Amino acid sequence: MTRYAKQPRGSSICGPIAILNALKWAGAQATLRKDLKEIIKKTGCNRGEYGTMLTAFEVALRHFGKEWFRVTVKYPWPGIETLETFLRNPEHAVITVFRWRDKKSLTSGEHYAFITGVSKTGRTFFSVNYGDNYQTVAHVRREEILEDHRISKDEWGGIFPHLWFLEKIKRPNPP
């Protein structure tokens, strides 16, 4: 079973953590200690509260994943059925970035999460570091995915959500 990396509580490095976990899922020997600093640098995720910008994220995802998975961008949101169908294949995973809004504090922002599969019933999705629970692997209700993936805009006019559909590259068995 893959041992995924947790996003440090209160940090804005969800994008780099999603890339690190995608590499782990695909079979790379990626670790927080060995690889995270380089991923953060490549994503430009050193701007404090702003986290990782979309274009820098995609460049870094393709750069680090080129030997491990193929990337297809799905934009705008293709719908929950498309997501579910894709994730039924264990060789597939998705990274998503979506706008969140806290109804109590009225704060909002964007968050990158890594989704690794879907339950047999389709009622829950298996995700790494989804939302603010900072759990490694969580069962995220279908309704929560739908709520978080409504089309929305940020302060700079960016439209969300964005999804990167990943397909493992078949690798030859080591000798």
C-alpha atoms as a PDB file:
ATOM      1  CA  MET A   1       0.000   0.000   0.000  1.00  0.00           C
ATOM      2  CA  THR A   2       1.270   3.457  -0.873  1.00  0.00           C
ATOM      3  CA  ARG A   3       2.345   5.634   2.021  1.00  0.00           C
ATOM      4  CA  TYR A   4       1.224   9.147   1.134  1.00  0.00           C
ATOM      5  CA  ALA A   5       2.610  12.414   2.511  1.00  0.00           C
ATOM      6  CA  LYS A   6       0.498  14.654   4.720  1.00  0.00           C
ATOM      7  CA  GLN A   7       0.281  18.341   4.044  1.00  0.00           C
ATOM      8  CA  PRO A   8       1.609  20.194   7.084  1.00  0.00           C
ATOM      9  CA  ARG A   9      -1.296  21.823   8.932  1.00  0.00           C
ATOM     10  CA  GLY A  10      -1.613  25.512   8.122  1.00  0.00           C
ATOM     11  CA  SER A  11       0.777  25.376   5.165  1.00  0.00           C
ATOM     12  CA  SER A  12       0.074  26.578   1.631  1.00  0.00           C
ATOM     13  CA  ILE A  13       2.010  23.784  -0.101  1.00  0.00           C
ATOM     14  CA  CYS A  14      -0.978  21.682  -1.179  1.00  0.00           C
ATOM     15  CA  GLY A  15       0.137  21.840  -4.839  1.00  0.00           C
ATOM     16  CA  PRO A  16       3.627  20.425  -4.223  1.00  0.00           C
ATOM     17  CA  ILE A  17       2.196  17.796  -1.843  1.00  0.00           C
ATOM     18  CA  ALA A  18      -0.287  16.725  -4.555  1.00  0.00           C
ATOM     19  CA  ILE A  19       2.600  16.283  -7.029  1.00  0.00           C
ATOM     20  CA  LEU A  20       4.666  14.352  -4.467  1.00  0.00           C
ATOM     21  CA  ASN A  21       1.724  12.033  -3.766  1.00  0.00           C
ATOM     22  CA  ALA A  22       1.066  11.529  -7.486  1.00  0.00           C
ATOM     23  CA  LEU A  23       4.679  10.388  -7.847  1.00  0.00           C
ATOM     24  CA  LYS A  24       4.295   7.999  -4.899  1.00  0.00           C
ATOM     25  CA  TRP A  25       1.039   6.609  -6.382  1.00  0.00           C
ATOM     26  CA  ALA A  26       2.800   6.003  -9.715  1.00  0.00           C
ATOM     27  CA  GLY A  27       5.624   4.056  -8.057  1.00  0.00           C
ATOM     28  CA  ALA A  28       8.383   6.658  -7.739  1.00  0.00           C
ATOM     29  CA  GLN A  29      10.517   6.518  -4.600  1.00  0.00           C
ATOM     30  CA  ALA A  30       9.625  10.138  -3.806  1.00  0.00           C
ATOM     31  CA  THR A  31       9.901  11.392  -0.214  1.00  0.00           C
ATOM     32  CA  LEU A  32       9.254  14.596   1.701  1.00  0.00           C
ATOM     33  CA  ARG A  33      12.883  14.841   2.746  1.00  0.00           C
ATOM     34  CA  LYS A  34      14.424  14.071  -0.651  1.00  0.00           C
ATOM     35  CA  ASP A  35      12.010  15.662  -3.146  1.00  0.00           C
ATOM     36  CA  LEU A  36       9.637  18.220  -1.639  1.00  0.00           C
ATOM     37  CA  LYS A  37      12.065  21.150  -1.651  1.00  0.00           C
ATOM     38  CA  GLU A  38      12.740  20.729  -5.392  1.00  0.00           C
ATOM     39  CA  ILE A  39       9.012  20.385  -6.160  1.00  0.00           C
ATOM     40  CA  ILE A  40       8.257  23.550  -4.159  1.00  0.00           C
ATOM     41  CA  LYS A  41      10.966  25.406  -6.080  1.00  0.00           C
ATOM     42  CA  LYS A  42       9.697  24.218  -9.487  1.00  0.00           C
ATOM     43  CA  THR A  43       6.087  25.160  -8.661  1.00  0.00           C
ATOM     44  CA  GLY A  44       7.127  28.569  -7.400  1.00  0.00           C
ATOM     45  CA  CYS A  45       5.222  27.805  -4.221  1.00  0.00           C
ATOM     46  CA  ASN A  46       7.252  30.110  -2.035  1.00  0.00           C
ATOM     47  CA  ARG A  47       5.009  33.130  -2.117  1.00  0.00           C
ATOM     48  CA  GLY A  48       3.518  32.597   1.334  1.00  0.00           C
ATOM     49  CA  GLU A  49      -0.257  32.703   1.398  1.00  0.00           C
ATOM     50  CA  TYR A  50      -0.721  32.516  -2.385  1.00  0.00           C
ATOM     51  CA  GLY A  51       0.484  28.944  -2.752  1.00  0.00           C
ATOM     52  CA  THR A  52       0.948  27.521  -6.233  1.00  0.00           C
ATOM     53  CA  MET A  53      -0.279  29.218  -9.396  1.00  0.00           C
ATOM     54  CA  LEU A  54      -1.988  27.034 -12.022  1.00  0.00           C
ATOM     55  CA  THR A  55       0.526  27.365 -14.856  1.00  0.00           C
ATOM     56  CA  ALA A  56       3.538  26.750 -12.605  1.00  0.00           C
ATOM     57  CA  PHE A  57       1.757  23.765 -11.077  1.00  0.00           C
ATOM     58  CA  GLU A  58       1.100  22.186 -14.465  1.00  0.00           C
ATOM     59  CA  VAL A  59       4.686  22.745 -15.649  1.00  0.00           C
ATOM     60  CA  ALA A  60       6.004  21.078 -12.473  1.00  0.00           C
ATOM     61  CA  LEU A  61       3.479  18.214 -12.645  1.00  0.00           C
ATOM     62  CA  ARG A  62       4.517  17.384 -16.206  1.00  0.00           C
ATOM     63  CA  HIS A  63       8.219  17.811 -15.411  1.00  0.00           C
ATOM     64  CA  PHE A  64       8.304  15.502 -12.386  1.00  0.00           C
ATOM     65  CA  GLY A  65       5.757  13.030 -13.720  1.00  0.00           C
ATOM     66  CA  LYS A  66       7.077  12.603 -17.272  1.00  0.00           C
ATOM     67  CA  GLU A  67       8.505   9.130 -16.553  1.00  0.00           C
ATOM     68  CA  TRP A  68       5.632   8.041 -14.323  1.00  0.00           C
ATOM     69  CA  PHE A  69       2.294   9.160 -15.772  1.00  0.00           C
ATOM     70  CA  ARG A  70       0.551  10.833 -18.690  1.00  0.00           C
ATOM     71  CA  VAL A  71      -1.348  14.038 -17.932  1.00  0.00           C
ATOM     72  CA  THR A  72      -4.581  15.158 -19.572  1.00  0.00           C
ATOM     73  CA  VAL A  73      -6.133  18.464 -18.530  1.00  0.00           C
ATOM     74  CA  LYS A  74      -9.898  18.523 -18.005  1.00  0.00           C
ATOM     75  CA  TYR A  75     -11.187  22.058 -18.041  1.00  0.00           C
ATOM     76  CA  PRO A  76     -13.839  23.129 -17.433  1.00  0.00           C
ATOM     77  CA  TRP A  77     -15.253  20.656 -14.898  1.00  0.00           C
ATOM     78  CA  PRO A  78     -16.256  17.538 -16.883  1.00  0.00           C
ATOM     79  CA  GLY A  79     -18.824  16.386 -14.325  1.00  0.00           C
ATOM     80  CA  ILE A  80     -18.945  13.851 -11.529  1.00  0.00           C
ATOM     81  CA  GLU A  81     -19.801  10.938 -13.840  1.00  0.00           C
ATOM     82  CA  THR A  82     -16.664  11.526 -15.937  1.00  0.00           C
ATOM     83  CA  LEU A  83     -14.562  11.688 -12.772  1.00  0.00           C
ATOM     84  CA  GLU A  84     -16.118   8.507 -11.394  1.00  0.00           C
ATOM     85  CA  THR A  85     -15.731   6.552 -14.645  1.00  0.00           C
ATOM     86  CA  PHE A  86     -12.071   7.557 -14.992  1.00  0.00           C
ATOM     87  CA  LEU A  87     -11.236   6.654 -11.391  1.00  0.00           C
ATOM     88  CA  ARG A  88     -12.729   3.158 -11.679  1.00  0.00           C
ATOM     89  CA  ASN A  89      -9.429   2.153 -13.329  1.00  0.00           C
ATOM     90  CA  PRO A  90      -6.723   1.611 -10.640  1.00  0.00           C
ATOM     91  CA  GLU A  91      -4.120   2.908 -13.099  1.00  0.00           C
ATOM     92  CA  HIS A  92      -5.829   6.319 -13.051  1.00  0.00           C
ATOM     93  CA  ALA A  93      -5.834   9.195 -10.563  1.00  0.00           C
ATOM     94  CA  VAL A  94      -6.780  12.873 -10.617  1.00  0.00           C
ATOM     95  CA  ILE A  95      -5.341  16.049  -9.178  1.00  0.00           C
ATOM     96  CA  THR A  96      -7.888  18.787  -8.738  1.00  0.00           C
ATOM     97  CA  VAL A  97      -7.732  22.403  -7.652  1.00  0.00           C
ATOM     98  CA  PHE A  98     -10.979  23.965  -6.540  1.00  0.00           C
ATOM     99  CA  ARG A  99     -12.274  27.050  -4.741  1.00  0.00           C
ATOM    100  CA  TRP A 100     -13.428  26.542  -1.171  1.00  0.00           C
ATOM    101  CA  ARG A 101     -15.441  28.873   0.995  1.00  0.00           C
ATOM    102  CA  ASP A 102     -15.937  28.705   4.742  1.00  0.00           C
ATOM    103  CA  LYS A 103     -19.515  29.771   5.416  1.00  0.00           C
ATOM    104  CA  LYS A 104     -18.783  30.637   9.064  1.00  0.00           C
ATOM    105  CA  SER A 105     -15.699  32.811   8.630  1.00  0.00           C
ATOM    106  CA  LEU A 106     -16.512  33.862   5.027  1.00  0.00           C
ATOM    107  CA  THR A 107     -12.922  33.109   4.033  1.00  0.00           C
ATOM    108  CA  SER A 108     -12.094  31.408   0.753  1.00  0.00           C
ATOM    109  CA  GLY A 109      -9.175  30.141  -1.266  1.00  0.00           C
ATOM    110  CA  GLU A 110      -8.018  27.382  -3.574  1.00  0.00           C
ATOM    111  CA  HIS A 111      -6.882  23.891  -2.698  1.00  0.00           C
ATOM    112  CA  TYR A 112      -5.079  21.130  -4.625  1.00  0.00           C
ATOM    113  CA  ALA A 113      -6.025  17.562  -3.754  1.00  0.00           C
ATOM    114  CA  PHE A 114      -5.049  14.152  -5.106  1.00  0.00           C
ATOM    115  CA  ILE A 115      -7.926  11.723  -5.780  1.00  0.00           C
ATOM    116  CA  THR A 116      -6.954   8.065  -6.108  1.00  0.00           C
ATOM    117  CA  GLY A 117     -10.221   6.205  -6.599  1.00  0.00           C
ATOM    118  CA  VAL A 118     -13.927   5.803  -6.024  1.00  0.00           C
ATOM    119  CA  SER A 119     -15.969   3.380  -3.928  1.00  0.00           C
ATOM    120  CA  LYS A 120     -17.954   0.578  -5.559  1.00  0.00           C
ATOM    121  CA  THR A 121     -21.170   2.483  -4.903  1.00  0.00           C
ATOM    122  CA  GLY A 122     -19.785   5.802  -6.154  1.00  0.00           C
ATOM    123  CA  ARG A 123     -20.861   7.501  -2.919  1.00  0.00           C
ATOM    124  CA  THR A 124     -17.321   8.294  -1.807  1.00  0.00           C
ATOM    125  CA  PHE A 125     -14.028   9.154  -3.450  1.00  0.00           C
ATOM    126  CA  PHE A 126     -10.620   8.287  -1.981  1.00  0.00           C
ATOM    127  CA  SER A 127      -8.475  11.361  -1.714  1.00  0.00           C
ATOM    128  CA  VAL A 128      -5.216  12.486  -0.169  1.00  0.00           C
ATOM    129  CA  ASN A 129      -5.199  15.761   1.808  1.00  0.00           C
ATOM    130  CA  TYR A 130      -8.677  16.740   0.654  1.00  0.00           C
ATOM    131  CA  GLY A 131     -10.018  19.892   2.272  1.00  0.00           C
ATOM    132  CA  ASP A 132      -8.761  21.103   5.603  1.00  0.00           C
ATOM    133  CA  ASN A 133      -8.720  17.805   7.485  1.00  0.00           C
ATOM    134  CA  TYR A 134      -5.054  17.157   6.595  1.00  0.00           C
ATOM    135  CA  GLN A 135      -5.640  13.426   6.761  1.00  0.00           C
ATOM    136  CA  THR A 136      -3.529  11.344   4.499  1.00  0.00           C
ATOM    137  CA  VAL A 137      -6.280   9.293   2.851  1.00  0.00           C
ATOM    138  CA  ALA A 138      -9.869  10.338   3.355  1.00  0.00           C
ATOM    139  CA  HIS A 139     -13.221   9.157   2.100  1.00  0.00           C
ATOM    140  CA  VAL A 140     -14.800  12.234   0.552  1.00  0.00           C
ATOM    141  CA  ARG A 141     -18.538  12.145  -0.020  1.00  0.00           C
ATOM    142  CA  ARG A 142     -19.794  12.543  -3.583  1.00  0.00           C
ATOM    143  CA  GLU A 143     -21.867  15.532  -2.427  1.00  0.00           C
ATOM    144  CA  GLU A 144     -18.747  17.268  -1.092  1.00  0.00           C
ATOM    145  CA  ILE A 145     -16.948  16.778  -4.419  1.00  0.00           C
ATOM    146  CA  LEU A 146     -19.971  18.254  -6.214  1.00  0.00           C
ATOM    147  CA  GLU A 147     -20.152  21.191  -3.797  1.00  0.00           C
ATOM    148  CA  ASP A 148     -16.422  21.963  -4.096  1.00  0.00           C
ATOM    149  CA  HIS A 149     -16.412  21.627  -7.875  1.00  0.00           C
ATOM    150  CA  ARG A 150     -19.002  24.240  -8.733  1.00  0.00           C
ATOM    151  CA  ILE A 151     -17.687  26.643 -11.360  1.00  0.00           C
ATOM    152  CA  SER A 152     -16.315  29.737  -9.596  1.00  0.00           C
ATOM    153  CA  LYS A 153     -13.841  32.604 -10.067  1.00  0.00           C
ATOM    154  CA  ASP A 154     -11.060  33.929  -7.911  1.00  0.00           C
ATOM    155  CA  GLU A 155     -10.137  37.587  -7.301  1.00  0.00           C
ATOM    156  CA  TRP A 156      -7.928  37.652 -10.399  1.00  0.00           C
ATOM    157  CA  GLY A 157     -10.503  36.176 -12.765  1.00  0.00           C
ATOM    158  CA  GLY A 158      -9.241  32.586 -12.701  1.00  0.00           C
ATOM    159  CA  ILE A 159     -12.009  30.052 -13.221  1.00  0.00           C
ATOM    160  CA  PHE A 160     -12.134  26.883 -11.114  1.00  0.00           C
ATOM    161  CA  PRO A 161     -12.052  23.901 -10.841  1.00  0.00           C
ATOM    162  CA  HIS A 162      -9.153  22.539 -12.885  1.00  0.00           C
ATOM    163  CA  LEU A 163      -8.450  18.820 -13.085  1.00  0.00           C
ATOM    164  CA  TRP A 164      -5.429  16.886 -14.268  1.00  0.00           C
ATOM    165  CA  PHE A 165      -6.271  13.282 -15.175  1.00  0.00           C
ATOM    166  CA  LEU A 166      -3.262  10.996 -14.636  1.00  0.00           C
ATOM    167  CA  GLU A 167      -2.651   7.618 -16.222  1.00  0.00           C
ATOM    168  CA  LYS A 168       0.277   5.492 -15.034  1.00  0.00           C
ATOM    169  CA  ILE A 169       2.919   4.757 -17.641  1.00  0.00           C
ATOM    170  CA  LYS A 170       3.666   1.050 -17.913  1.00  0.00           C
ATOM    171  CA  ARG A 171       7.202   0.537 -16.706  1.00  0.00           C
ATOM    172  CA  PRO A 172       9.352  -2.509 -17.400  1.00  0.00           C
ATOM    173  CA  ASN A 173       9.912  -4.759 -14.414  1.00  0.00           C
ATOM    174  CA  PRO A 174      13.314  -4.221 -12.777  1.00  0.00           C
ATOM    175  CA  PRO A 175      15.864  -7.037 -13.269  1.00  0.00           C
END
